[in-house]
């Protein structure tokens, strides 16, 4: 650990594919939440190290080395997160890891506008040992209004191994997404992502951005919408939301990348009400498969769609049946 602070440094093994690259550039890939200038400053100040040693930003790295980051601003972030008794839906738990089903509306990390009442606060109350684990055990994130499965490591050892598995794309994550438009078939979106050049809160498809690959197939088709099974090959911020909007099938209810609410002509009243009332992106992390970081066993878990998502699908099916019935009546005339 760095700076004499136990349990706060993030430690990530460097993938073999980064061998020979500069340490500051590799660190930017491993810790994308921070700018390159911040990371360079922290390297020079000794807050970021390679195999526990202070090095120059230009130092070439080797696969398997350990990159450690103990950013000063994150020390305050960790120390200020309080434990709060917030209900959690645990779908898998042992002494090394936890998989939980996050409800829509729950923010993962405290931040501007959400100083507490987050998943991180809830985790520290339910699992106090996470105070000594990097990122309080979190391996990946979900947006506030995306529901579904998240992996939590209960020890630093498990966190390092699971983080390495995530970097190596060995943790398989599958989502269900409801998009606008009747999609003819499945496919793959291979389009690099980066921060929007003007609106820094948004992500955009940009040449020179980070590799991002999303696979999808049609699970159920409706007259004006499509339910997709989505598999992430990479895990970039807002990846599914941006990629679906990029191919012009934006996710229903997406307030950032979606379209203005539109109720299809002739929709049943139930569907019209459901679409108007669905005020979040229709995206759910439904299935997850990983190798246990200690036992080596394969762990596979699933989470049902939230009730609001299920209700919207029922309304879509009812609308489709009503349209089919009307078409038959017209054909019989």
Protein backbone atom coordinates (compact mmCIF):
# COMPACT_ATOMS: atom_id res chain seq x y z
CA UNK A 1 0.00 0.00 0.00
CA UNK A 2 1.08 3.56 -0.60
CA UNK A 3 1.35 6.66 1.56
CA UNK A 4 0.94 4.61 4.72
CA UNK A 5 -2.82 4.40 4.19
CA UNK A 6 -4.01 0.80 4.44
CA UNK A 7 -6.64 -0.45 2.02
CA UNK A 8 -7.02 2.69 -0.09
CA UNK A 9 -4.63 2.13 -2.99
CA UNK A 10 -6.12 0.65 -6.14
CA UNK A 11 -3.85 -2.10 -7.47
CA UNK A 12 -4.35 -3.52 -10.96
CA UNK A 13 -2.16 -6.07 -12.74
CA UNK A 14 -0.93 -4.74 -16.10
CA UNK A 15 -2.22 -6.89 -19.00
CA UNK A 16 0.42 -8.42 -21.27
CA UNK A 17 -0.96 -6.46 -24.23
CA UNK A 18 0.33 -3.21 -22.68
CA UNK A 19 3.96 -4.42 -22.45
CA UNK A 20 6.44 -1.85 -23.74
CA UNK A 21 4.09 1.12 -23.40
CA UNK A 22 4.75 4.14 -21.18
CA UNK A 23 3.57 3.91 -17.59
CA UNK A 24 1.55 7.15 -17.73
CA UNK A 25 -0.33 6.00 -20.84
CA UNK A 26 -1.04 2.57 -19.37
CA UNK A 27 -2.25 4.18 -16.15
CA UNK A 28 -4.69 6.30 -18.17
CA UNK A 29 -6.16 3.10 -19.62
CA UNK A 30 -6.40 1.37 -16.25
CA UNK A 31 -7.87 4.41 -14.45
CA UNK A 32 -10.03 6.20 -17.06
CA UNK A 33 -11.84 8.31 -14.44
CA UNK A 34 -8.79 10.60 -14.22
CA UNK A 35 -7.15 12.88 -16.79
CA UNK A 36 -3.66 12.15 -18.10
CA UNK A 37 -2.36 15.36 -16.52
CA UNK A 38 -3.68 14.29 -13.10
CA UNK A 39 -2.14 10.86 -13.46
CA UNK A 40 1.20 12.26 -14.60
CA UNK A 41 1.28 14.56 -11.58
CA UNK A 42 0.50 11.70 -9.23
CA UNK A 43 3.24 9.55 -10.79
CA UNK A 44 5.74 12.34 -10.27
CA UNK A 45 4.53 12.83 -6.67
CA UNK A 46 4.85 9.12 -5.90
CA UNK A 47 1.11 8.48 -5.54
CA UNK A 48 1.17 6.11 -8.53
CA UNK A 49 3.78 3.34 -8.56
CA UNK A 50 4.91 0.36 -10.56
CA UNK A 51 5.41 -2.81 -8.52
CA UNK A 52 5.48 -0.60 -5.44
CA UNK A 53 8.29 1.60 -6.79
CA UNK A 54 8.20 5.25 -7.83
CA UNK A 55 9.08 5.55 -11.53
CA UNK A 56 9.10 8.19 -14.26
CA UNK A 57 5.93 8.73 -16.32
CA UNK A 58 7.85 7.51 -19.40
CA UNK A 59 8.95 4.25 -17.77
CA UNK A 60 8.11 1.25 -20.02
CA UNK A 61 5.99 -1.41 -18.39
CA UNK A 62 5.90 -5.20 -18.58
CA UNK A 63 2.86 -7.47 -18.51
CA UNK A 64 2.09 -8.80 -15.04
CA UNK A 65 3.51 -5.83 -13.16
CA UNK A 66 1.26 -4.20 -10.57
CA UNK A 67 0.10 -0.62 -11.13
CA UNK A 68 -0.85 1.11 -7.86
CA UNK A 69 -2.77 4.36 -7.55
CA UNK A 70 -3.32 6.22 -4.29
CA UNK A 71 -4.73 9.49 -5.61
CA UNK A 72 -4.93 12.23 -2.94
CA UNK A 73 -8.48 13.27 -3.84
CA UNK A 74 -9.64 9.69 -3.53
CA UNK A 75 -8.35 9.37 0.03
CA UNK A 76 -10.91 11.98 1.10
CA UNK A 77 -13.57 10.22 -1.00
CA UNK A 78 -12.97 6.89 0.75
CA UNK A 79 -12.75 8.31 4.25
CA UNK A 80 -15.92 10.37 3.89
CA UNK A 81 -18.20 7.55 2.69
CA UNK A 82 -20.36 6.54 5.65
CA UNK A 83 -22.11 3.23 6.27
CA UNK A 84 -25.89 3.43 5.84
CA UNK A 85 -28.59 0.81 6.36
CA UNK A 86 -29.98 0.62 2.82
CA UNK A 87 -31.61 -2.65 1.66
CA UNK A 88 -29.59 -4.78 -0.76
CA UNK A 89 -30.78 -7.63 -2.95
CA UNK A 90 -28.01 -10.24 -2.75
CA UNK A 91 -28.18 -13.00 -5.36
CA UNK A 92 -24.84 -14.69 -4.55
CA UNK A 93 -22.55 -14.42 -1.53
CA UNK A 94 -19.50 -16.16 -0.09
CA UNK A 95 -16.45 -15.03 1.89
CA UNK A 96 -14.67 -13.72 -1.21
CA UNK A 97 -17.32 -12.02 -3.34
CA UNK A 98 -20.89 -10.83 -3.57
CA UNK A 99 -23.17 -10.43 -6.59
CA UNK A 100 -26.13 -8.13 -6.04
CA UNK A 101 -29.11 -7.00 -8.08
CA UNK A 102 -29.12 -3.19 -8.11
CA UNK A 103 -32.55 -1.57 -8.43
CA UNK A 104 -33.09 1.32 -10.85
CA UNK A 105 -32.67 4.72 -9.24
CA UNK A 106 -29.84 3.72 -6.88
CA UNK A 107 -26.59 5.63 -7.47
CA UNK A 108 -23.44 3.52 -7.15
CA UNK A 109 -20.98 6.13 -5.78
CA UNK A 110 -21.46 9.29 -3.72
CA UNK A 111 -20.90 12.43 -5.76
CA UNK A 112 -22.30 15.82 -6.64
CA UNK A 113 -26.02 15.79 -5.92
CA UNK A 114 -25.78 12.38 -4.23
CA UNK A 115 -23.60 12.77 -1.13
CA UNK A 116 -25.06 9.65 0.49
CA UNK A 117 -27.84 7.08 0.09
CA UNK A 118 -25.77 5.25 -2.52
CA UNK A 119 -24.88 1.63 -3.12
CA UNK A 120 -21.42 2.28 -1.71
CA UNK A 121 -22.95 3.51 1.56
CA UNK A 122 -25.12 0.39 1.70
CA UNK A 123 -22.18 -1.94 1.04
CA UNK A 124 -20.13 -0.49 3.90
CA UNK A 125 -23.03 -1.09 6.30
CA UNK A 126 -23.69 -4.66 5.15
CA UNK A 127 -20.01 -5.61 4.75
CA UNK A 128 -17.82 -3.45 7.05
CA UNK A 129 -14.66 -5.24 5.86
CA UNK A 130 -15.01 -3.40 2.53
CA UNK A 131 -13.57 -0.29 4.20
CA UNK A 132 -10.14 -1.91 3.66
CA UNK A 133 -10.75 -3.07 0.07
CA UNK A 134 -9.89 -0.93 -3.01
CA UNK A 135 -12.94 0.94 -4.36
CA UNK A 136 -14.86 -0.58 -1.45
CA UNK A 137 -15.01 -3.82 -3.41
CA UNK A 138 -16.64 -2.50 -6.57
CA UNK A 139 -15.35 -4.12 -9.76
CA UNK A 140 -17.53 -2.29 -12.28
CA UNK A 141 -20.46 0.14 -12.34
CA UNK A 142 -24.01 0.57 -13.54
CA UNK A 143 -25.65 3.89 -14.30
CA UNK A 144 -28.13 5.17 -11.74
CA UNK A 145 -31.19 4.16 -13.76
CA UNK A 146 -29.80 0.89 -15.12
CA UNK A 147 -30.80 -2.12 -13.05
CA UNK A 148 -29.18 -5.49 -12.56
CA UNK A 149 -26.11 -7.43 -11.53
CA UNK A 150 -22.94 -6.00 -9.97
CA UNK A 151 -19.88 -7.87 -8.66
CA UNK A 152 -18.36 -6.90 -5.32
CA UNK A 153 -15.02 -8.24 -4.01
CA UNK A 154 -14.83 -8.77 -0.25
CA UNK A 155 -11.02 -8.81 -0.04
CA UNK A 156 -8.11 -7.03 -1.70
CA UNK A 157 -6.94 -10.36 -3.13
CA UNK A 158 -10.32 -11.05 -4.72
CA UNK A 159 -10.53 -7.46 -5.95
CA UNK A 160 -7.17 -7.68 -7.74
CA UNK A 161 -8.05 -10.99 -9.42
CA UNK A 162 -11.54 -9.91 -10.45
CA UNK A 163 -10.24 -6.59 -11.77
CA UNK A 164 -7.67 -8.49 -13.82
CA UNK A 165 -10.42 -10.79 -15.13
CA UNK A 166 -12.51 -7.77 -16.10
CA UNK A 167 -9.55 -6.23 -17.92
CA UNK A 168 -8.99 -9.55 -19.73
CA UNK A 169 -12.70 -9.68 -20.71
CA UNK A 170 -13.19 -12.93 -18.81
CA UNK A 171 -16.28 -11.74 -16.92
CA UNK A 172 -19.26 -12.20 -19.25
CA UNK A 173 -22.06 -9.66 -18.84
CA UNK A 174 -25.36 -9.90 -20.68
CA UNK A 175 -28.05 -7.25 -20.70
CA UNK A 176 -31.63 -6.85 -21.84
CA UNK A 177 -32.42 -3.61 -23.62
CA UNK A 178 -35.65 -2.32 -25.11
CA UNK A 179 -34.98 -0.10 -28.11
CA UNK A 180 -37.12 2.14 -30.30
CA UNK A 181 -37.76 0.65 -33.74
CA UNK A 182 -38.47 -2.83 -35.04
CA UNK A 183 -34.97 -4.16 -35.60
CA UNK A 184 -34.71 -6.68 -38.46
CA UNK A 185 -31.85 -8.75 -37.01
CA UNK A 186 -29.03 -8.85 -34.52
CA UNK A 187 -25.49 -7.71 -35.11
CA UNK A 188 -22.38 -6.13 -33.63
CA UNK A 189 -21.46 -2.50 -33.06
CA UNK A 190 -17.70 -1.94 -33.19
CA UNK A 191 -17.24 1.79 -32.69
CA UNK A 192 -14.66 3.56 -30.47
CA UNK A 193 -15.93 5.72 -27.62
CA UNK A 194 -14.59 8.87 -25.98
CA UNK A 195 -15.85 11.91 -24.11
CA UNK A 196 -18.03 14.21 -26.19
CA UNK A 197 -15.89 17.10 -27.47
CA UNK A 198 -18.32 19.72 -26.13
CA UNK A 199 -20.53 18.11 -23.47
CA UNK A 200 -18.09 16.36 -21.13
CA UNK A 201 -20.91 14.51 -19.35
CA UNK A 202 -21.72 12.62 -22.53
CA UNK A 203 -19.90 9.85 -24.37
CA UNK A 204 -19.71 9.80 -28.16
CA UNK A 205 -18.50 7.57 -30.97
CA UNK A 206 -15.19 9.20 -31.92
CA UNK A 207 -12.27 8.25 -34.11
CA UNK A 208 -9.29 7.60 -31.88
CA UNK A 209 -11.46 6.75 -28.87
CA UNK A 210 -11.17 3.59 -26.80
CA UNK A 211 -12.16 0.31 -28.42
CA UNK A 212 -15.80 -0.58 -27.73
CA UNK A 213 -17.62 -3.66 -29.03
CA UNK A 214 -21.27 -4.56 -28.35
CA UNK A 215 -22.99 -7.72 -29.62
CA UNK A 216 -26.78 -7.92 -29.74
CA UNK A 217 -29.52 -10.24 -30.94
CA UNK A 218 -33.27 -9.89 -31.20
CA UNK A 219 -35.09 -11.50 -28.27
CA UNK A 220 -38.59 -10.24 -29.07
CA UNK A 221 -39.90 -7.95 -31.77
CA UNK A 222 -42.88 -5.58 -31.47
CA UNK A 223 -44.46 -3.35 -34.11
CA UNK A 224 -42.44 -0.29 -33.08
CA UNK A 225 -39.92 -1.61 -30.55
CA UNK A 226 -37.44 -4.47 -30.10
CA UNK A 227 -36.26 -6.32 -26.99
CA UNK A 228 -32.56 -7.17 -27.34
CA UNK A 229 -30.18 -9.56 -25.62
CA UNK A 230 -26.89 -7.68 -25.44
CA UNK A 231 -23.42 -9.00 -24.70
CA UNK A 232 -20.58 -6.66 -23.84
CA UNK A 233 -17.15 -7.46 -25.23
CA UNK A 234 -15.77 -4.27 -23.69
CA UNK A 235 -17.19 -2.25 -20.83
CA UNK A 236 -16.96 1.46 -21.56
CA UNK A 237 -19.01 4.17 -19.88
CA UNK A 238 -22.56 4.30 -21.35
CA UNK A 239 -21.44 1.80 -24.00
CA UNK A 240 -24.75 0.09 -24.77
CA UNK A 241 -26.69 3.35 -24.66
CA UNK A 242 -24.33 5.13 -27.03
CA UNK A 243 -23.92 2.20 -29.42
CA UNK A 244 -27.66 1.63 -29.76
CA UNK A 245 -28.23 5.32 -30.43
CA UNK A 246 -25.36 5.21 -32.94
CA UNK A 247 -27.13 2.54 -35.03
CA UNK A 248 -30.38 4.55 -34.70
CA UNK A 249 -32.17 2.21 -32.33
CA UNK A 250 -31.92 4.23 -29.09
CA UNK A 251 -32.96 2.72 -25.80
CA UNK A 252 -36.49 3.51 -24.64
CA UNK A 253 -36.57 6.20 -21.96
CA UNK A 254 -32.90 7.17 -22.27
CA UNK A 255 -32.81 10.82 -21.18
CA UNK A 256 -29.35 11.50 -22.62
CA UNK A 257 -28.98 9.49 -25.83
CA UNK A 258 -32.60 8.68 -26.64
CA UNK A 259 -35.32 10.40 -28.60
CA UNK A 260 -38.16 12.57 -27.42
CA UNK A 261 -41.07 10.47 -26.14
CA UNK A 262 -43.23 9.24 -28.99
CA UNK A 263 -46.32 7.07 -28.60
CA UNK A 264 -46.99 4.98 -31.75
CA UNK A 265 -50.18 5.85 -33.61
CA UNK A 266 -53.00 3.51 -32.65
CA UNK A 267 -51.29 2.32 -29.46
CA UNK A 268 -53.49 0.88 -26.73
CA UNK A 269 -54.14 3.17 -23.80
CA UNK A 270 -52.15 0.81 -21.58
CA UNK A 271 -49.09 1.08 -23.81
CA UNK A 272 -49.41 4.86 -24.10
CA UNK A 273 -49.52 5.19 -20.31
CA UNK A 274 -46.62 2.75 -19.86
CA UNK A 275 -44.39 4.63 -22.31
CA UNK A 276 -45.22 8.00 -20.77
CA UNK A 277 -44.56 6.66 -17.28
CA UNK A 278 -41.26 4.92 -18.04
CA UNK A 279 -38.81 7.67 -17.18
CA UNK A 280 -35.47 5.85 -17.30
CA UNK A 281 -33.46 3.87 -19.82
CA UNK A 282 -34.91 0.39 -20.39
CA UNK A 283 -31.64 -1.40 -19.69
CA UNK A 284 -31.04 -4.30 -17.31
CA UNK A 285 -27.89 -6.29 -16.48
CA UNK A 286 -29.60 -9.67 -16.59
CA UNK A 287 -26.92 -12.38 -16.54
CA UNK A 288 -23.34 -12.66 -15.39
CA UNK A 289 -20.71 -15.39 -15.60
CA UNK A 290 -17.25 -15.39 -14.02
CA UNK A 291 -14.53 -17.61 -12.62
CA UNK A 292 -14.38 -17.48 -8.84
CA UNK A 293 -11.21 -15.57 -7.86
CA UNK A 294 -10.21 -18.13 -5.21
CA UNK A 295 -11.86 -21.50 -5.89
CA UNK A 296 -11.70 -21.29 -9.69
CA UNK A 297 -15.31 -22.47 -9.98
CA UNK A 298 -17.61 -20.99 -12.62
CA UNK A 299 -20.22 -18.68 -11.09
CA UNK A 300 -23.34 -17.94 -13.14
CA UNK A 301 -26.14 -15.74 -11.85
CA UNK A 302 -29.26 -14.12 -13.28
CA UNK A 303 -31.60 -11.32 -12.23
CA UNK A 304 -35.22 -10.88 -13.26
CA UNK A 305 -36.36 -7.70 -14.93
CA UNK A 306 -37.64 -5.02 -12.53
CA UNK A 307 -41.41 -4.72 -12.23
CA UNK A 308 -41.62 -1.49 -14.27
CA UNK A 309 -39.71 -3.10 -17.16
CA UNK A 310 -41.93 -6.20 -16.99
CA UNK A 311 -45.05 -4.03 -17.03
CA UNK A 312 -43.82 -2.20 -20.12
CA UNK A 313 -43.20 -5.49 -21.94
CA UNK A 314 -46.70 -6.71 -21.03
CA UNK A 315 -48.15 -3.51 -22.47
CA UNK A 316 -46.14 -3.98 -25.68
CA UNK A 317 -47.36 -7.57 -26.06
CA UNK A 318 -50.95 -6.52 -25.42
CA UNK A 319 -50.61 -3.78 -28.04
CA UNK A 320 -49.12 -6.25 -30.57
CA UNK A 321 -52.00 -8.68 -30.02
CA UNK A 322 -54.55 -5.89 -30.44
CA UNK A 323 -52.95 -4.81 -33.73
CA UNK A 324 -52.91 -8.41 -35.00
CA UNK A 325 -56.58 -8.84 -34.10
CA UNK A 326 -57.48 -5.62 -35.89
CA UNK A 327 -55.52 -6.71 -38.98
CA UNK A 328 -57.43 -10.00 -39.06
CA UNK A 329 -60.78 -8.21 -38.75
CA UNK A 330 -59.91 -5.99 -41.69
CA UNK A 331 -58.78 -8.97 -43.74
CA UNK A 332 -62.10 -10.77 -43.08
CA UNK A 333 -64.23 -7.88 -44.28
